[in-house]
Amino acid sequence: MPKPSHDEISRSVTRMSVLVPFFPQGDIAVAEIISHVEAMCGSREALEYLTNTAINTLERWGGVQCLRQILTQSTKFRCADGIAVDSRTREEKLAAAEHAHQERESIETSKRIAELKHQRALMPPEERREADKLLDDVARAALKRLN
């Protein structure tokens, strides 16, 4: 697969500048975008895919990151320069972070309960009632945090 020429890339960027709302129009901005697209697209097929997908899916220009995101999400093409972006939305990233936090808390709580049960088993029978109360409190607090 041959690498696209500078002229092919310029034509593709010009097509995007006409068809993608709010695409930068200044010479310096367009030259910079051409430079990034040149680094991203390792083949004519990747350039064609990128251009057509950008024209048909971008509701508005969101920066070079949007173009990188198109290639990052593709199953066939990748950014030739190896720079990829996280394609998840802000909400998806927040949900994943919240889920990871809950997982960590759950694991820590499980370890704490296991340690308390071990300590309880080593106690004389008369002291176990207090340990049982502490175990119940820890379990209730953990359930409250998860809900």
C-alpha atoms as a PDB file:
ATOM      1  CA  MET A   1       0.000   0.000   0.000  1.00  0.00           C
ATOM      2  CA  PRO A   2       1.692   3.187  -1.148  1.00  0.00           C
ATOM      3  CA  LYS A   3       1.880   6.176   1.135  1.00  0.00           C
ATOM      4  CA  PRO A   4      -0.278   9.085  -0.068  1.00  0.00           C
ATOM      5  CA  SER A   5       1.463  12.032  -1.702  1.00  0.00           C
ATOM      6  CA  HIS A   6       1.429  15.513  -0.228  1.00  0.00           C
ATOM      7  CA  ASP A   7      -0.978  16.596  -3.012  1.00  0.00           C
ATOM      8  CA  GLU A   8      -3.397  13.747  -2.234  1.00  0.00           C
ATOM      9  CA  ILE A   9      -3.376  14.698   1.422  1.00  0.00           C
ATOM     10  CA  SER A  10      -3.914  18.383   0.575  1.00  0.00           C
ATOM     11  CA  ARG A  11      -6.932  17.478  -1.584  1.00  0.00           C
ATOM     12  CA  SER A  12      -8.388  15.340   1.211  1.00  0.00           C
ATOM     13  CA  VAL A  13      -7.936  18.100   3.785  1.00  0.00           C
ATOM     14  CA  THR A  14      -9.521  20.578   1.350  1.00  0.00           C
ATOM     15  CA  ARG A  15     -12.546  18.258   0.984  1.00  0.00           C
ATOM     16  CA  MET A  16     -12.858  18.072   4.777  1.00  0.00           C
ATOM     17  CA  SER A  17     -12.507  21.856   5.081  1.00  0.00           C
ATOM     18  CA  VAL A  18     -15.468  22.317   2.758  1.00  0.00           C
ATOM     19  CA  LEU A  19     -17.724  19.593   4.189  1.00  0.00           C
ATOM     20  CA  VAL A  20     -16.973  19.461   7.939  1.00  0.00           C
ATOM     21  CA  PRO A  21     -18.655  22.330   9.816  1.00  0.00           C
ATOM     22  CA  PHE A  22     -16.299  24.751  11.616  1.00  0.00           C
ATOM     23  CA  PHE A  23     -13.201  23.277   9.953  1.00  0.00           C
ATOM     24  CA  PRO A  24     -10.351  25.808  10.215  1.00  0.00           C
ATOM     25  CA  GLN A  25      -9.941  27.945   7.101  1.00  0.00           C
ATOM     26  CA  GLY A  26      -6.667  29.787   7.763  1.00  0.00           C
ATOM     27  CA  ASP A  27      -3.570  28.839   5.749  1.00  0.00           C
ATOM     28  CA  ILE A  28      -1.447  28.123   8.820  1.00  0.00           C
ATOM     29  CA  ALA A  29      -4.120  25.950  10.452  1.00  0.00           C
ATOM     30  CA  VAL A  30      -4.740  23.996   7.236  1.00  0.00           C
ATOM     31  CA  ALA A  31      -0.993  23.482   6.722  1.00  0.00           C
ATOM     32  CA  GLU A  32      -0.722  22.151  10.276  1.00  0.00           C
ATOM     33  CA  ILE A  33      -3.666  19.795   9.755  1.00  0.00           C
ATOM     34  CA  ILE A  34      -2.089  18.539   6.505  1.00  0.00           C
ATOM     35  CA  SER A  35       1.111  17.830   8.440  1.00  0.00           C
ATOM     36  CA  HIS A  36      -0.782  15.799  11.053  1.00  0.00           C
ATOM     37  CA  VAL A  37      -2.789  13.876   8.451  1.00  0.00           C
ATOM     38  CA  GLU A  38       0.449  13.121   6.599  1.00  0.00           C
ATOM     39  CA  ALA A  39       1.894  11.630   9.802  1.00  0.00           C
ATOM     40  CA  MET A  40      -1.313   9.686  10.560  1.00  0.00           C
ATOM     41  CA  CYS A  41      -2.037   8.098   7.183  1.00  0.00           C
ATOM     42  CA  GLY A  42       0.381   5.389   6.138  1.00  0.00           C
ATOM     43  CA  SER A  43      -1.551   4.445   2.988  1.00  0.00           C
ATOM     44  CA  ARG A  44      -3.900   5.903   0.398  1.00  0.00           C
ATOM     45  CA  GLU A  45      -6.603   3.578   1.700  1.00  0.00           C
ATOM     46  CA  ALA A  46      -6.212   4.939   5.239  1.00  0.00           C
ATOM     47  CA  LEU A  47      -6.384   8.512   3.895  1.00  0.00           C
ATOM     48  CA  GLU A  48      -9.537   7.730   1.919  1.00  0.00           C
ATOM     49  CA  TYR A  49     -11.121   6.037   4.938  1.00  0.00           C
ATOM     50  CA  LEU A  50     -10.206   8.943   7.212  1.00  0.00           C
ATOM     51  CA  THR A  51     -11.497  11.583   4.788  1.00  0.00           C
ATOM     52  CA  ASN A  52     -14.791   9.836   4.027  1.00  0.00           C
ATOM     53  CA  THR A  53     -15.462   8.970   7.652  1.00  0.00           C
ATOM     54  CA  ALA A  54     -14.713  12.526   8.815  1.00  0.00           C
ATOM     55  CA  ILE A  55     -16.970  14.020   6.146  1.00  0.00           C
ATOM     56  CA  ASN A  56     -19.811  11.622   6.887  1.00  0.00           C
ATOM     57  CA  THR A  57     -19.681  11.479  10.695  1.00  0.00           C
ATOM     58  CA  LEU A  58     -18.258  14.673  12.178  1.00  0.00           C
ATOM     59  CA  GLU A  59     -21.027  17.082  13.114  1.00  0.00           C
ATOM     60  CA  ARG A  60     -18.388  19.758  13.670  1.00  0.00           C
ATOM     61  CA  TRP A  61     -14.618  20.106  13.692  1.00  0.00           C
ATOM     62  CA  GLY A  62     -13.189  19.036  17.013  1.00  0.00           C
ATOM     63  CA  GLY A  63      -9.486  19.219  16.312  1.00  0.00           C
ATOM     64  CA  VAL A  64      -6.895  16.787  15.014  1.00  0.00           C
ATOM     65  CA  GLN A  65      -7.887  14.495  17.906  1.00  0.00           C
ATOM     66  CA  CYS A  66     -11.166  13.770  16.073  1.00  0.00           C
ATOM     67  CA  LEU A  67      -9.230  12.520  13.063  1.00  0.00           C
ATOM     68  CA  ARG A  68      -6.964  10.412  15.265  1.00  0.00           C
ATOM     69  CA  GLN A  69     -10.036   9.039  16.992  1.00  0.00           C
ATOM     70  CA  ILE A  70     -11.458   7.898  13.639  1.00  0.00           C
ATOM     71  CA  LEU A  71      -8.310   5.888  12.930  1.00  0.00           C
ATOM     72  CA  THR A  72      -8.070   4.643  16.524  1.00  0.00           C
ATOM     73  CA  GLN A  73     -11.614   3.251  16.329  1.00  0.00           C
ATOM     74  CA  SER A  74     -11.019   1.593  12.954  1.00  0.00           C
ATOM     75  CA  THR A  75     -10.477  -2.154  12.892  1.00  0.00           C
ATOM     76  CA  LYS A  76      -8.575  -1.914   9.598  1.00  0.00           C
ATOM     77  CA  PHE A  77      -6.382   1.195   9.955  1.00  0.00           C
ATOM     78  CA  ARG A  78      -4.197   2.702  12.671  1.00  0.00           C
ATOM     79  CA  CYS A  79      -2.352   5.998  12.987  1.00  0.00           C
ATOM     80  CA  ALA A  80       0.928   5.463  11.125  1.00  0.00           C
ATOM     81  CA  ASP A  81       2.802   7.617  13.645  1.00  0.00           C
ATOM     82  CA  GLY A  82       1.619   5.380  16.487  1.00  0.00           C
ATOM     83  CA  ILE A  83      -0.227   8.120  18.352  1.00  0.00           C
ATOM     84  CA  ALA A  84      -3.711   6.979  19.352  1.00  0.00           C
ATOM     85  CA  VAL A  85      -6.378   8.692  21.417  1.00  0.00           C
ATOM     86  CA  ASP A  86      -8.859   7.313  23.914  1.00  0.00           C
ATOM     87  CA  SER A  87     -12.099   7.128  21.978  1.00  0.00           C
ATOM     88  CA  ARG A  88     -14.391   6.884  25.002  1.00  0.00           C
ATOM     89  CA  THR A  89     -16.700   9.761  25.818  1.00  0.00           C
ATOM     90  CA  ARG A  90     -16.221  11.789  28.989  1.00  0.00           C
ATOM     91  CA  GLU A  91     -19.197   9.996  30.544  1.00  0.00           C
ATOM     92  CA  GLU A  92     -17.747   6.577  29.686  1.00  0.00           C
ATOM     93  CA  LYS A  93     -14.408   7.552  31.237  1.00  0.00           C
ATOM     94  CA  LEU A  94     -16.123   8.776  34.418  1.00  0.00           C
ATOM     95  CA  ALA A  95     -18.228   5.610  34.645  1.00  0.00           C
ATOM     96  CA  ALA A  96     -15.117   3.446  34.223  1.00  0.00           C
ATOM     97  CA  ALA A  97     -13.278   5.416  36.917  1.00  0.00           C
ATOM     98  CA  GLU A  98     -16.234   5.085  39.291  1.00  0.00           C
ATOM     99  CA  HIS A  99     -16.457   1.347  38.613  1.00  0.00           C
ATOM    100  CA  ALA A 100     -12.707   0.925  39.244  1.00  0.00           C
ATOM    101  CA  HIS A 101     -13.027   2.876  42.513  1.00  0.00           C
ATOM    102  CA  GLN A 102     -15.911   0.666  43.666  1.00  0.00           C
ATOM    103  CA  GLU A 103     -13.924  -2.458  42.743  1.00  0.00           C
ATOM    104  CA  ARG A 104     -10.946  -1.258  44.821  1.00  0.00           C
ATOM    105  CA  GLU A 105     -13.193  -0.462  47.787  1.00  0.00           C
ATOM    106  CA  SER A 106     -14.869  -3.857  47.518  1.00  0.00           C
ATOM    107  CA  ILE A 107     -11.524  -5.672  47.481  1.00  0.00           C
ATOM    108  CA  GLU A 108     -10.206  -3.640  50.435  1.00  0.00           C
ATOM    109  CA  THR A 109     -13.402  -4.284  52.398  1.00  0.00           C
ATOM    110  CA  SER A 110     -13.239  -8.016  51.672  1.00  0.00           C
ATOM    111  CA  LYS A 111      -9.644  -8.106  52.907  1.00  0.00           C
ATOM    112  CA  ARG A 112     -10.602  -6.160  56.038  1.00  0.00           C
ATOM    113  CA  ILE A 113     -13.494  -8.540  56.767  1.00  0.00           C
ATOM    114  CA  ALA A 114     -11.273 -11.594  56.244  1.00  0.00           C
ATOM    115  CA  GLU A 115      -8.689 -10.121  58.628  1.00  0.00           C
ATOM    116  CA  LEU A 116     -11.363  -9.377  61.243  1.00  0.00           C
ATOM    117  CA  LYS A 117     -12.738 -12.932  60.946  1.00  0.00           C
ATOM    118  CA  HIS A 118      -9.237 -14.315  61.411  1.00  0.00           C
ATOM    119  CA  GLN A 119      -8.677 -12.146  64.477  1.00  0.00           C
ATOM    120  CA  ARG A 120     -12.110 -13.167  65.821  1.00  0.00           C
ATOM    121  CA  ALA A 121     -11.229 -16.861  65.498  1.00  0.00           C
ATOM    122  CA  LEU A 122      -8.168 -16.280  67.709  1.00  0.00           C
ATOM    123  CA  MET A 123     -10.177 -14.548  70.468  1.00  0.00           C
ATOM    124  CA  PRO A 124     -11.533 -16.154  73.620  1.00  0.00           C
ATOM    125  CA  PRO A 125     -15.288 -16.908  73.266  1.00  0.00           C
ATOM    126  CA  GLU A 126     -16.333 -14.119  75.637  1.00  0.00           C
ATOM    127  CA  GLU A 127     -14.668 -11.440  73.440  1.00  0.00           C
ATOM    128  CA  ARG A 128     -16.214 -12.683  70.193  1.00  0.00           C
ATOM    129  CA  ARG A 129     -19.498 -10.780  70.702  1.00  0.00           C
ATOM    130  CA  GLU A 130     -17.660  -7.465  70.371  1.00  0.00           C
ATOM    131  CA  ALA A 131     -15.840  -8.738  67.286  1.00  0.00           C
ATOM    132  CA  ASP A 132     -19.153  -9.888  65.768  1.00  0.00           C
ATOM    133  CA  LYS A 133     -20.569  -6.405  66.279  1.00  0.00           C
ATOM    134  CA  LEU A 134     -17.514  -4.858  64.578  1.00  0.00           C
ATOM    135  CA  LEU A 135     -17.827  -7.287  61.640  1.00  0.00           C
ATOM    136  CA  ASP A 136     -21.503  -6.410  61.243  1.00  0.00           C
ATOM    137  CA  ASP A 137     -20.702  -2.679  61.315  1.00  0.00           C
ATOM    138  CA  VAL A 138     -18.004  -3.067  58.642  1.00  0.00           C
ATOM    139  CA  ALA A 139     -20.288  -5.156  56.404  1.00  0.00           C
ATOM    140  CA  ARG A 140     -23.180  -2.678  56.790  1.00  0.00           C
ATOM    141  CA  ALA A 141     -20.936   0.283  55.966  1.00  0.00           C
ATOM    142  CA  ALA A 142     -19.605  -1.527  52.889  1.00  0.00           C
ATOM    143  CA  LEU A 143     -23.114  -2.281  51.642  1.00  0.00           C
ATOM    144  CA  LYS A 144     -24.170   1.319  52.251  1.00  0.00           C
ATOM    145  CA  ARG A 145     -21.221   2.607  50.162  1.00  0.00           C
ATOM    146  CA  LEU A 146     -22.049   0.260  47.282  1.00  0.00           C
ATOM    147  CA  ASN A 147     -25.687   1.330  47.169  1.00  0.00           C
END
